[in-house]
Amino acid sequence: MEFELYYDYLCPYVYRASLLLANVGAERSLDIRWRYFSLAQVNSKDEGWTVWDAPAGEKVRGRLAFQAAEAARRQDRFDVYHSMLLGARHVDRLDIDDIKVIERVAEDSGMDLERFRHDLADPTILLALARDHQYALSTHGVFGTPTFVFPNGATAYIRLAEGSAAKDGLSLFDSLIAIAADEPGILEIKRPIRPSPD
């Protein structure tokens, strides 16, 4: 099965989806095209400002991780780096806006560190983020992450509960596909959360 998945490294739901997909991918062939979508951009209130055009010296949450992911693509190390960077952020709770963290993950994932640094400094490295983000908005109406885009054109923003990937992953995945990709009559399912007694 092939699909696109729009993501931001800062999003815990992206990490949970990645765990589910890793479990399913161990038993089934998946062709996932991970596409960039900046939550900092979509949540910005500054008219005309963009994550990708902001000055290099301006600290923008999540931007360095996108640059690093694209640098990993240039070395054909995206899948390994992507998984390790999600783990660094959501398991180890490391600051992925810190260049030392980004470089340590690059080194641990087997990248050529000098080439990685060179690619990070390339002023065109953020063009892929701009392209993916703008396409996600204009073509699919993406508003958050993770958003799945299936070959039939169906899209779904899917938030998994913590630990859901550890349960029967294939069954959960098949249920998600049955609704998200194959049932166009269902536009939204949202579970109310009971208030806690105070």
N, C-alpha and C. Protein backbone atom coordinates (compact mmCIF):
# COMPACT_ATOMS: atom_id res chain seq x y z
N MET A 1 0.84 -1.18 0.00
CA MET A 1 0.00 0.00 0.00
C MET A 1 0.88 1.24 0.00
N GLU A 2 0.49 2.22 -0.77
CA GLU A 2 1.24 3.47 -0.80
C GLU A 2 0.34 4.63 -0.42
N PHE A 3 0.94 5.62 0.24
CA PHE A 3 0.23 6.83 0.62
C PHE A 3 1.25 7.89 1.02
N GLU A 4 0.78 9.12 1.09
CA GLU A 4 1.60 10.23 1.57
C GLU A 4 1.18 10.52 3.01
N LEU A 5 2.13 11.02 3.78
CA LEU A 5 1.82 11.39 5.16
C LEU A 5 2.49 12.73 5.46
N TYR A 6 1.67 13.74 5.70
CA TYR A 6 2.18 15.07 6.04
C TYR A 6 2.46 15.11 7.53
N TYR A 7 3.66 15.62 7.88
CA TYR A 7 4.10 15.54 9.26
C TYR A 7 4.92 16.74 9.69
N ASP A 8 5.02 16.90 11.01
CA ASP A 8 5.93 17.84 11.66
C ASP A 8 6.56 17.08 12.81
N TYR A 9 7.88 17.19 12.97
CA TYR A 9 8.58 16.45 14.02
C TYR A 9 8.12 16.82 15.41
N LEU A 10 7.56 17.99 15.59
CA LEU A 10 7.13 18.43 16.92
C LEU A 10 5.85 17.76 17.39
N CYS A 11 5.13 17.14 16.48
CA CYS A 11 3.80 16.61 16.79
C CYS A 11 3.86 15.20 17.40
N PRO A 12 3.33 15.03 18.61
CA PRO A 12 3.34 13.70 19.23
C PRO A 12 2.49 12.69 18.48
N TYR A 13 1.48 13.15 17.77
CA TYR A 13 0.60 12.24 17.03
C TYR A 13 1.32 11.68 15.80
N VAL A 14 2.26 12.44 15.26
CA VAL A 14 3.09 11.94 14.17
C VAL A 14 3.96 10.80 14.69
N TYR A 15 4.52 10.99 15.87
CA TYR A 15 5.36 9.93 16.45
C TYR A 15 4.53 8.66 16.66
N ARG A 16 3.34 8.80 17.20
CA ARG A 16 2.47 7.64 17.43
C ARG A 16 2.12 6.95 16.12
N ALA A 17 1.82 7.74 15.09
CA ALA A 17 1.52 7.16 13.78
C ALA A 17 2.74 6.43 13.23
N SER A 18 3.93 6.98 13.46
CA SER A 18 5.15 6.34 12.95
C SER A 18 5.37 4.98 13.60
N LEU A 19 5.03 4.85 14.89
CA LEU A 19 5.15 3.56 15.58
C LEU A 19 4.18 2.54 14.98
N LEU A 20 2.95 2.97 14.75
CA LEU A 20 1.97 2.08 14.14
C LEU A 20 2.45 1.62 12.77
N LEU A 21 2.94 2.56 11.98
CA LEU A 21 3.37 2.23 10.62
C LEU A 21 4.61 1.34 10.63
N ALA A 22 5.49 1.52 11.60
CA ALA A 22 6.65 0.63 11.73
C ALA A 22 6.20 -0.79 12.06
N ASN A 23 5.21 -0.92 12.94
CA ASN A 23 4.68 -2.24 13.29
C ASN A 23 4.02 -2.90 12.07
N VAL A 24 3.23 -2.14 11.34
CA VAL A 24 2.55 -2.68 10.16
C VAL A 24 3.58 -3.00 9.08
N GLY A 25 4.57 -2.12 8.91
CA GLY A 25 5.59 -2.31 7.89
C GLY A 25 6.45 -3.54 8.11
N ALA A 26 6.50 -4.03 9.34
CA ALA A 26 7.25 -5.25 9.62
C ALA A 26 6.54 -6.48 9.05
N GLU A 27 5.23 -6.35 8.79
CA GLU A 27 4.46 -7.50 8.30
C GLU A 27 3.86 -7.28 6.91
N ARG A 28 3.84 -6.05 6.46
CA ARG A 28 3.18 -5.71 5.20
C ARG A 28 4.01 -4.67 4.46
N SER A 29 3.95 -4.68 3.15
CA SER A 29 4.71 -3.71 2.37
C SER A 29 3.98 -2.36 2.36
N LEU A 30 4.66 -1.34 2.85
CA LEU A 30 4.12 0.02 2.85
C LEU A 30 5.08 0.93 2.10
N ASP A 31 4.53 1.79 1.26
CA ASP A 31 5.33 2.79 0.56
C ASP A 31 4.82 4.14 1.06
N ILE A 32 5.51 4.68 2.07
CA ILE A 32 5.10 5.93 2.70
C ILE A 32 5.97 7.06 2.17
N ARG A 33 5.34 8.07 1.62
CA ARG A 33 6.07 9.27 1.21
C ARG A 33 5.82 10.34 2.26
N TRP A 34 6.80 10.51 3.13
CA TRP A 34 6.70 11.49 4.20
C TRP A 34 6.85 12.88 3.60
N ARG A 35 5.86 13.74 3.83
CA ARG A 35 5.86 15.09 3.27
C ARG A 35 5.84 16.11 4.40
N TYR A 36 6.56 17.20 4.19
CA TYR A 36 6.72 18.22 5.22
C TYR A 36 5.45 19.08 5.36
N PHE A 37 5.12 19.38 6.61
CA PHE A 37 4.03 20.32 6.89
C PHE A 37 4.36 21.02 8.21
N SER A 38 4.60 22.31 8.16
CA SER A 38 5.05 23.06 9.33
C SER A 38 3.88 23.56 10.18
N LEU A 39 3.84 23.08 11.43
CA LEU A 39 2.83 23.56 12.37
C LEU A 39 3.13 25.01 12.77
N ALA A 40 4.41 25.40 12.81
CA ALA A 40 4.76 26.79 13.11
C ALA A 40 4.18 27.71 12.04
N GLN A 41 4.21 27.25 10.80
CA GLN A 41 3.67 28.06 9.71
C GLN A 41 2.16 28.15 9.78
N VAL A 42 1.50 27.02 9.96
CA VAL A 42 0.04 27.02 9.95
C VAL A 42 -0.53 27.78 11.16
N ASN A 43 0.24 27.86 12.24
CA ASN A 43 -0.22 28.55 13.44
C ASN A 43 0.25 30.00 13.52
N SER A 44 1.01 30.45 12.54
CA SER A 44 1.53 31.82 12.56
C SER A 44 0.41 32.82 12.33
N LYS A 45 0.47 33.90 13.07
CA LYS A 45 -0.51 34.98 12.92
C LYS A 45 0.07 36.15 12.10
N ASP A 46 1.36 36.03 11.74
CA ASP A 46 2.03 37.10 11.02
C ASP A 46 1.78 36.98 9.52
N GLU A 47 0.98 37.89 9.00
CA GLU A 47 0.66 37.90 7.56
C GLU A 47 1.93 38.07 6.74
N GLY A 48 2.12 37.18 5.78
CA GLY A 48 3.26 37.28 4.87
C GLY A 48 4.51 36.57 5.37
N TRP A 49 4.59 36.24 6.64
CA TRP A 49 5.76 35.56 7.19
C TRP A 49 5.69 34.08 6.86
N THR A 50 6.83 33.46 6.50
CA THR A 50 6.86 32.02 6.29
C THR A 50 8.07 31.42 6.98
N VAL A 51 7.91 30.20 7.41
CA VAL A 51 8.99 29.45 8.04
C VAL A 51 10.19 29.38 7.11
N TRP A 52 9.93 29.12 5.83
CA TRP A 52 11.01 28.90 4.87
C TRP A 52 11.70 30.18 4.42
N ASP A 53 11.03 31.33 4.53
CA ASP A 53 11.66 32.59 4.13
C ASP A 53 12.14 33.42 5.31
N ALA A 54 11.88 32.99 6.51
CA ALA A 54 12.35 33.72 7.70
C ALA A 54 13.88 33.75 7.68
N PRO A 55 14.47 34.83 8.17
CA PRO A 55 15.93 34.92 8.17
C PRO A 55 16.59 33.74 8.88
N ALA A 56 17.75 33.34 8.38
CA ALA A 56 18.45 32.18 8.93
C ALA A 56 18.73 32.32 10.41
N GLY A 57 18.99 33.53 10.89
CA GLY A 57 19.28 33.75 12.30
C GLY A 57 18.06 33.72 13.20
N GLU A 58 16.87 33.77 12.62
CA GLU A 58 15.63 33.77 13.40
C GLU A 58 15.33 32.34 13.87
N LYS A 59 15.15 32.18 15.17
CA LYS A 59 14.85 30.84 15.71
C LYS A 59 13.37 30.54 15.44
N VAL A 60 13.14 29.51 14.64
CA VAL A 60 11.78 29.11 14.27
C VAL A 60 11.60 27.67 14.70
N ARG A 61 10.64 27.43 15.58
CA ARG A 61 10.42 26.07 16.10
C ARG A 61 10.19 25.07 15.00
N GLY A 62 11.01 24.02 15.01
CA GLY A 62 10.83 22.92 14.08
C GLY A 62 11.53 23.06 12.75
N ARG A 63 11.97 24.26 12.40
CA ARG A 63 12.58 24.48 11.08
C ARG A 63 13.87 23.69 10.90
N LEU A 64 14.72 23.66 11.92
CA LEU A 64 15.99 22.96 11.81
C LEU A 64 15.76 21.47 11.54
N ALA A 65 14.74 20.90 12.14
CA ALA A 65 14.44 19.47 11.91
C ALA A 65 14.06 19.22 10.46
N PHE A 66 13.30 20.12 9.86
CA PHE A 66 12.96 19.97 8.44
C PHE A 66 14.21 20.08 7.56
N GLN A 67 15.08 21.02 7.88
CA GLN A 67 16.33 21.16 7.13
C GLN A 67 17.14 19.87 7.25
N ALA A 68 17.23 19.35 8.45
CA ALA A 68 18.00 18.13 8.70
C ALA A 68 17.42 16.94 7.94
N ALA A 69 16.10 16.84 7.92
CA ALA A 69 15.44 15.73 7.20
C ALA A 69 15.76 15.81 5.71
N GLU A 70 15.75 17.02 5.18
CA GLU A 70 16.05 17.17 3.75
C GLU A 70 17.52 16.88 3.48
N ALA A 71 18.40 17.26 4.41
CA ALA A 71 19.82 16.92 4.26
C ALA A 71 20.00 15.39 4.31
N ALA A 72 19.22 14.72 5.14
CA ALA A 72 19.27 13.25 5.19
C ALA A 72 18.80 12.64 3.88
N ARG A 73 17.77 13.23 3.26
CA ARG A 73 17.31 12.75 1.95
C ARG A 73 18.44 12.83 0.92
N ARG A 74 19.22 13.88 1.00
CA ARG A 74 20.31 14.08 0.04
C ARG A 74 21.40 13.00 0.18
N GLN A 75 21.42 12.33 1.32
CA GLN A 75 22.38 11.24 1.52
C GLN A 75 21.68 9.88 1.50
N ASP A 76 20.43 9.85 1.05
CA ASP A 76 19.64 8.61 1.03
C ASP A 76 19.57 7.95 2.40
N ARG A 77 19.48 8.78 3.44
CA ARG A 77 19.41 8.27 4.82
C ARG A 77 18.13 8.76 5.50
N PHE A 78 17.15 9.20 4.72
CA PHE A 78 15.96 9.80 5.33
C PHE A 78 15.24 8.85 6.28
N ASP A 79 14.95 7.63 5.87
CA ASP A 79 14.14 6.74 6.71
C ASP A 79 14.79 6.51 8.08
N VAL A 80 16.08 6.25 8.08
CA VAL A 80 16.78 6.01 9.34
C VAL A 80 16.80 7.28 10.19
N TYR A 81 17.17 8.38 9.57
CA TYR A 81 17.27 9.65 10.29
C TYR A 81 15.90 10.08 10.82
N HIS A 82 14.90 9.95 9.99
CA HIS A 82 13.53 10.33 10.35
C HIS A 82 13.08 9.59 11.61
N SER A 83 13.26 8.31 11.63
CA SER A 83 12.86 7.50 12.78
C SER A 83 13.65 7.89 14.03
N MET A 84 14.95 8.08 13.86
CA MET A 84 15.79 8.43 15.00
C MET A 84 15.48 9.84 15.53
N LEU A 85 15.16 10.77 14.63
CA LEU A 85 14.83 12.12 15.07
C LEU A 85 13.50 12.16 15.81
N LEU A 86 12.52 11.39 15.34
CA LEU A 86 11.26 11.29 16.07
C LEU A 86 11.49 10.71 17.46
N GLY A 87 12.33 9.70 17.57
CA GLY A 87 12.66 9.12 18.87
C GLY A 87 13.39 10.10 19.77
N ALA A 88 14.31 10.87 19.21
CA ALA A 88 15.04 11.87 19.99
C ALA A 88 14.07 12.89 20.59
N ARG A 89 13.11 13.29 19.82
CA ARG A 89 12.13 14.30 20.28
C ARG A 89 11.11 13.73 21.27
N HIS A 90 10.54 12.58 20.93
CA HIS A 90 9.38 12.10 21.69
C HIS A 90 9.69 11.03 22.73
N VAL A 91 10.83 10.38 22.62
CA VAL A 91 11.22 9.39 23.64
C VAL A 91 12.26 10.01 24.56
N ASP A 92 13.33 10.53 23.96
CA ASP A 92 14.43 11.10 24.76
C ASP A 92 14.15 12.52 25.21
N ARG A 93 13.13 13.14 24.65
CA ARG A 93 12.72 14.51 24.99
C ARG A 93 13.83 15.53 24.75
N LEU A 94 14.58 15.34 23.67
CA LEU A 94 15.67 16.25 23.32
C LEU A 94 15.14 17.43 22.52
N ASP A 95 15.87 18.52 22.56
CA ASP A 95 15.50 19.75 21.86
C ASP A 95 15.98 19.64 20.41
N ILE A 96 15.07 19.37 19.49
CA ILE A 96 15.47 19.21 18.09
C ILE A 96 15.64 20.54 17.37
N ASP A 97 15.58 21.63 18.12
CA ASP A 97 15.95 22.93 17.58
C ASP A 97 17.40 23.26 17.95
N ASP A 98 18.07 22.31 18.59
CA ASP A 98 19.46 22.45 18.99
C ASP A 98 20.34 21.75 17.95
N ILE A 99 21.27 22.47 17.34
CA ILE A 99 22.12 21.92 16.29
C ILE A 99 22.93 20.73 16.79
N LYS A 100 23.32 20.73 18.06
CA LYS A 100 24.10 19.60 18.59
C LYS A 100 23.28 18.32 18.58
N VAL A 101 22.00 18.42 18.90
CA VAL A 101 21.11 17.25 18.88
C VAL A 101 20.94 16.76 17.45
N ILE A 102 20.67 17.68 16.55
CA ILE A 102 20.47 17.34 15.14
C ILE A 102 21.71 16.64 14.57
N GLU A 103 22.88 17.17 14.89
CA GLU A 103 24.12 16.58 14.38
C GLU A 103 24.41 15.22 15.02
N ARG A 104 24.10 15.08 16.31
CA ARG A 104 24.33 13.79 16.96
C ARG A 104 23.45 12.71 16.33
N VAL A 105 22.21 13.04 16.04
CA VAL A 105 21.31 12.09 15.39
C VAL A 105 21.82 11.77 13.98
N ALA A 106 22.34 12.78 13.29
CA ALA A 106 22.90 12.56 11.94
C ALA A 106 24.07 11.59 12.01
N GLU A 107 24.93 11.81 12.97
CA GLU A 107 26.10 10.93 13.12
C GLU A 107 25.66 9.51 13.49
N ASP A 108 24.71 9.40 14.42
CA ASP A 108 24.22 8.08 14.85
C ASP A 108 23.49 7.34 13.74
N SER A 109 22.95 8.09 12.77
CA SER A 109 22.23 7.45 11.67
C SER A 109 23.13 7.12 10.48
N GLY A 110 24.42 7.34 10.64
CA GLY A 110 25.37 6.93 9.61
C GLY A 110 25.62 7.93 8.50
N MET A 111 25.29 9.19 8.74
CA MET A 111 25.52 10.19 7.69
C MET A 111 26.93 10.74 7.74
N ASP A 112 27.37 11.24 6.59
CA ASP A 112 28.62 11.98 6.49
C ASP A 112 28.35 13.35 7.11
N LEU A 113 28.96 13.61 8.28
CA LEU A 113 28.64 14.81 9.04
C LEU A 113 29.06 16.09 8.33
N GLU A 114 30.18 16.08 7.65
CA GLU A 114 30.61 17.29 6.92
C GLU A 114 29.64 17.61 5.79
N ARG A 115 29.24 16.61 5.06
CA ARG A 115 28.26 16.83 3.98
C ARG A 115 26.93 17.29 4.58
N PHE A 116 26.53 16.69 5.70
CA PHE A 116 25.30 17.06 6.39
C PHE A 116 25.34 18.55 6.75
N ARG A 117 26.43 19.00 7.33
CA ARG A 117 26.57 20.42 7.71
C ARG A 117 26.52 21.32 6.48
N HIS A 118 27.18 20.90 5.42
CA HIS A 118 27.17 21.67 4.18
C HIS A 118 25.74 21.81 3.64
N ASP A 119 25.00 20.70 3.65
CA ASP A 119 23.63 20.72 3.14
C ASP A 119 22.71 21.55 4.03
N LEU A 120 22.91 21.50 5.35
CA LEU A 120 22.10 22.32 6.26
C LEU A 120 22.26 23.81 5.94
N ALA A 121 23.46 24.20 5.55
CA ALA A 121 23.75 25.60 5.26
C ALA A 121 23.29 26.04 3.86
N ASP A 122 22.89 25.11 3.03
CA ASP A 122 22.44 25.42 1.67
C ASP A 122 21.15 26.25 1.74
N PRO A 123 21.16 27.45 1.16
CA PRO A 123 19.96 28.31 1.23
C PRO A 123 18.73 27.71 0.53
N THR A 124 18.92 26.70 -0.32
CA THR A 124 17.78 26.09 -1.02
C THR A 124 17.18 24.90 -0.25
N ILE A 125 17.75 24.56 0.89
CA ILE A 125 17.32 23.35 1.61
C ILE A 125 15.85 23.42 2.04
N LEU A 126 15.34 24.62 2.24
CA LEU A 126 13.95 24.76 2.69
C LEU A 126 12.93 24.83 1.56
N LEU A 127 13.40 24.75 0.32
CA LEU A 127 12.46 24.77 -0.81
C LEU A 127 11.51 23.58 -0.77
N ALA A 128 12.00 22.43 -0.32
CA ALA A 128 11.14 21.23 -0.24
C ALA A 128 10.04 21.44 0.80
N LEU A 129 10.35 22.08 1.92
CA LEU A 129 9.34 22.38 2.93
C LEU A 129 8.29 23.32 2.35
N ALA A 130 8.73 24.37 1.68
CA ALA A 130 7.78 25.32 1.07
C ALA A 130 6.88 24.61 0.07
N ARG A 131 7.49 23.79 -0.79
CA ARG A 131 6.72 23.06 -1.82
C ARG A 131 5.68 22.14 -1.18
N ASP A 132 6.12 21.28 -0.25
CA ASP A 132 5.20 20.32 0.37
C ASP A 132 4.10 21.02 1.14
N HIS A 133 4.47 22.02 1.94
CA HIS A 133 3.48 22.72 2.77
C HIS A 133 2.43 23.41 1.92
N GLN A 134 2.87 24.15 0.93
CA GLN A 134 1.93 24.88 0.08
C GLN A 134 1.05 23.92 -0.72
N TYR A 135 1.61 22.83 -1.20
CA TYR A 135 0.83 21.83 -1.93
C TYR A 135 -0.21 21.19 -1.00
N ALA A 136 0.19 20.90 0.22
CA ALA A 136 -0.73 20.30 1.20
C ALA A 136 -1.94 21.20 1.42
N LEU A 137 -1.69 22.48 1.56
CA LEU A 137 -2.78 23.44 1.78
C LEU A 137 -3.67 23.59 0.54
N SER A 138 -3.05 23.83 -0.60
CA SER A 138 -3.83 24.16 -1.79
C SER A 138 -4.51 22.95 -2.43
N THR A 139 -3.93 21.78 -2.31
CA THR A 139 -4.49 20.61 -2.97
C THR A 139 -5.34 19.75 -2.05
N HIS A 140 -4.89 19.58 -0.81
CA HIS A 140 -5.57 18.66 0.10
C HIS A 140 -6.27 19.34 1.27
N GLY A 141 -6.04 20.62 1.48
CA GLY A 141 -6.65 21.31 2.62
C GLY A 141 -6.10 20.86 3.96
N VAL A 142 -4.85 20.41 3.99
CA VAL A 142 -4.25 19.93 5.23
C VAL A 142 -4.23 21.06 6.25
N PHE A 143 -4.56 20.75 7.49
CA PHE A 143 -4.56 21.76 8.55
C PHE A 143 -3.71 21.33 9.75
N GLY A 144 -3.37 20.05 9.82
CA GLY A 144 -2.60 19.56 10.96
C GLY A 144 -1.90 18.27 10.62
N THR A 145 -1.16 17.76 11.61
CA THR A 145 -0.40 16.53 11.40
C THR A 145 -0.73 15.51 12.47
N PRO A 146 -0.70 14.25 12.09
CA PRO A 146 -0.41 13.67 10.79
C PRO A 146 -1.65 13.65 9.89
N THR A 147 -1.45 13.95 8.63
CA THR A 147 -2.51 13.85 7.64
C THR A 147 -2.07 12.86 6.57
N PHE A 148 -2.90 11.84 6.38
CA PHE A 148 -2.66 10.80 5.39
C PHE A 148 -3.36 11.19 4.09
N VAL A 149 -2.71 10.95 2.95
CA VAL A 149 -3.32 11.16 1.64
C VAL A 149 -3.18 9.84 0.88
N PHE A 150 -4.32 9.25 0.54
CA PHE A 150 -4.35 7.94 -0.08
C PHE A 150 -4.43 8.06 -1.60
N PRO A 151 -4.04 7.00 -2.32
CA PRO A 151 -4.03 7.06 -3.79
C PRO A 151 -5.37 7.45 -4.42
N ASN A 152 -6.48 7.14 -3.76
CA ASN A 152 -7.79 7.48 -4.32
C ASN A 152 -8.17 8.94 -4.05
N GLY A 153 -7.24 9.71 -3.43
CA GLY A 153 -7.50 11.12 -3.16
C GLY A 153 -8.08 11.38 -1.78
N ALA A 154 -8.49 10.34 -1.07
CA ALA A 154 -9.03 10.51 0.27
C ALA A 154 -7.93 11.01 1.20
N THR A 155 -8.30 11.91 2.11
CA THR A 155 -7.35 12.42 3.09
C THR A 155 -7.94 12.24 4.49
N ALA A 156 -7.05 12.10 5.46
CA ALA A 156 -7.51 11.95 6.84
C ALA A 156 -6.46 12.42 7.81
N TYR A 157 -6.88 13.28 8.72
CA TYR A 157 -6.06 13.70 9.85
C TYR A 157 -6.36 12.70 10.96
N ILE A 158 -5.35 11.96 11.40
CA ILE A 158 -5.58 10.86 12.34
C ILE A 158 -4.72 11.04 13.58
N ARG A 159 -5.37 11.10 14.73
CA ARG A 159 -4.67 11.18 16.02
C ARG A 159 -4.88 9.88 16.77
N LEU A 160 -3.78 9.22 17.08
CA LEU A 160 -3.85 7.96 17.83
C LEU A 160 -3.59 8.21 19.30
N ALA A 161 -4.24 7.42 20.15
CA ALA A 161 -3.98 7.48 21.59
C ALA A 161 -2.61 6.89 21.87
N GLU A 162 -2.00 7.33 22.93
CA GLU A 162 -0.69 6.79 23.31
C GLU A 162 -0.81 5.30 23.56
N GLY A 163 0.13 4.54 23.04
CA GLY A 163 0.14 3.10 23.23
C GLY A 163 -0.71 2.32 22.25
N SER A 164 -1.47 3.00 21.41
CA SER A 164 -2.36 2.28 20.49
C SER A 164 -1.58 1.49 19.45
N ALA A 165 -0.37 1.93 19.12
CA ALA A 165 0.44 1.23 18.12
C ALA A 165 0.96 -0.10 18.66
N ALA A 166 1.03 -0.22 19.98
CA ALA A 166 1.57 -1.44 20.58
C ALA A 166 0.54 -2.57 20.58
N LYS A 167 -0.71 -2.21 20.48
CA LYS A 167 -1.76 -3.23 20.44
C LYS A 167 -1.73 -3.90 19.07
N ASP A 168 -2.79 -4.53 18.66
CA ASP A 168 -2.82 -5.21 17.36
C ASP A 168 -2.74 -4.19 16.24
N GLY A 169 -1.51 -3.89 15.81
CA GLY A 169 -1.26 -2.85 14.83
C GLY A 169 -1.93 -3.08 13.49
N LEU A 170 -1.88 -4.32 13.00
CA LEU A 170 -2.49 -4.60 11.69
C LEU A 170 -3.99 -4.38 11.72
N SER A 171 -4.63 -4.83 12.76
CA SER A 171 -6.08 -4.67 12.87
C SER A 171 -6.45 -3.18 12.94
N LEU A 172 -5.71 -2.43 13.75
CA LEU A 172 -5.96 -1.00 13.86
C LEU A 172 -5.74 -0.31 12.52
N PHE A 173 -4.64 -0.63 11.85
CA PHE A 173 -4.33 -0.04 10.56
C PHE A 173 -5.43 -0.36 9.54
N ASP A 174 -5.86 -1.62 9.48
CA ASP A 174 -6.91 -2.00 8.55
C ASP A 174 -8.21 -1.25 8.83
N SER A 175 -8.52 -1.06 10.10
CA SER A 175 -9.72 -0.30 10.46
C SER A 175 -9.60 1.15 10.02
N LEU A 176 -8.43 1.73 10.25
CA LEU A 176 -8.20 3.12 9.82
C LEU A 176 -8.37 3.27 8.31
N ILE A 177 -7.77 2.35 7.56
CA ILE A 177 -7.85 2.41 6.10
C ILE A 177 -9.29 2.24 5.64
N ALA A 178 -10.01 1.30 6.27
CA ALA A 178 -11.40 1.05 5.89
C ALA A 178 -12.24 2.31 6.03
N ILE A 179 -11.96 3.11 7.05
CA ILE A 179 -12.75 4.33 7.25
C ILE A 179 -12.12 5.52 6.53
N ALA A 180 -10.84 5.75 6.77
CA ALA A 180 -10.19 6.97 6.25
C ALA A 180 -10.05 6.97 4.74
N ALA A 181 -9.70 5.84 4.15
CA ALA A 181 -9.45 5.81 2.70
C ALA A 181 -10.64 5.32 1.90
N ASP A 182 -11.41 4.42 2.48
CA ASP A 182 -12.43 3.73 1.69
C ASP A 182 -13.87 4.15 1.98
N GLU A 183 -14.10 5.01 2.96
CA GLU A 183 -15.47 5.39 3.31
C GLU A 183 -15.63 6.91 3.23
N PRO A 184 -15.92 7.44 2.04
CA PRO A 184 -16.00 8.90 1.88
C PRO A 184 -17.19 9.54 2.58
N GLY A 185 -18.16 8.73 2.99
CA GLY A 185 -19.33 9.29 3.66
C GLY A 185 -19.07 9.74 5.08
N ILE A 186 -17.98 9.30 5.68
CA ILE A 186 -17.64 9.71 7.04
C ILE A 186 -16.66 10.86 6.96
N LEU A 187 -17.10 12.04 7.37
CA LEU A 187 -16.25 13.22 7.29
C LEU A 187 -15.41 13.43 8.54
N GLU A 188 -15.95 13.09 9.70
CA GLU A 188 -15.19 13.32 10.94
C GLU A 188 -15.72 12.42 12.05
N ILE A 189 -14.78 11.89 12.81
CA ILE A 189 -15.12 11.16 14.03
C ILE A 189 -14.30 11.81 15.13
N LYS A 190 -14.95 12.24 16.19
CA LYS A 190 -14.23 12.84 17.29
C LYS A 190 -14.78 12.27 18.59
N ARG A 191 -13.89 11.81 19.44
CA ARG A 191 -14.31 11.26 20.72
C ARG A 191 -14.30 12.33 21.80
N PRO A 192 -15.44 12.58 22.42
CA PRO A 192 -15.46 13.49 23.56
C PRO A 192 -14.64 12.90 24.70
N ILE A 193 -14.02 13.75 25.45
CA ILE A 193 -13.25 13.31 26.62
C ILE A 193 -14.03 13.71 27.86
N ARG A 194 -14.32 12.70 28.68
CA ARG A 194 -15.08 12.98 29.91
C ARG A 194 -14.26 13.87 30.82
N PRO A 195 -14.93 14.85 31.42
CA PRO A 195 -14.20 15.71 32.37
C PRO A 195 -13.82 14.88 33.60
N SER A 196 -12.69 15.21 34.15
CA SER A 196 -12.26 14.50 35.36
C SER A 196 -12.99 15.08 36.56
N PRO A 197 -13.41 14.22 37.48
CA PRO A 197 -14.10 14.75 38.66
C PRO A 197 -13.12 15.50 39.56
N ASP A 198 -13.51 16.68 39.95
CA ASP A 198 -12.62 17.49 40.81
C ASP A 198 -13.08 17.48 42.23
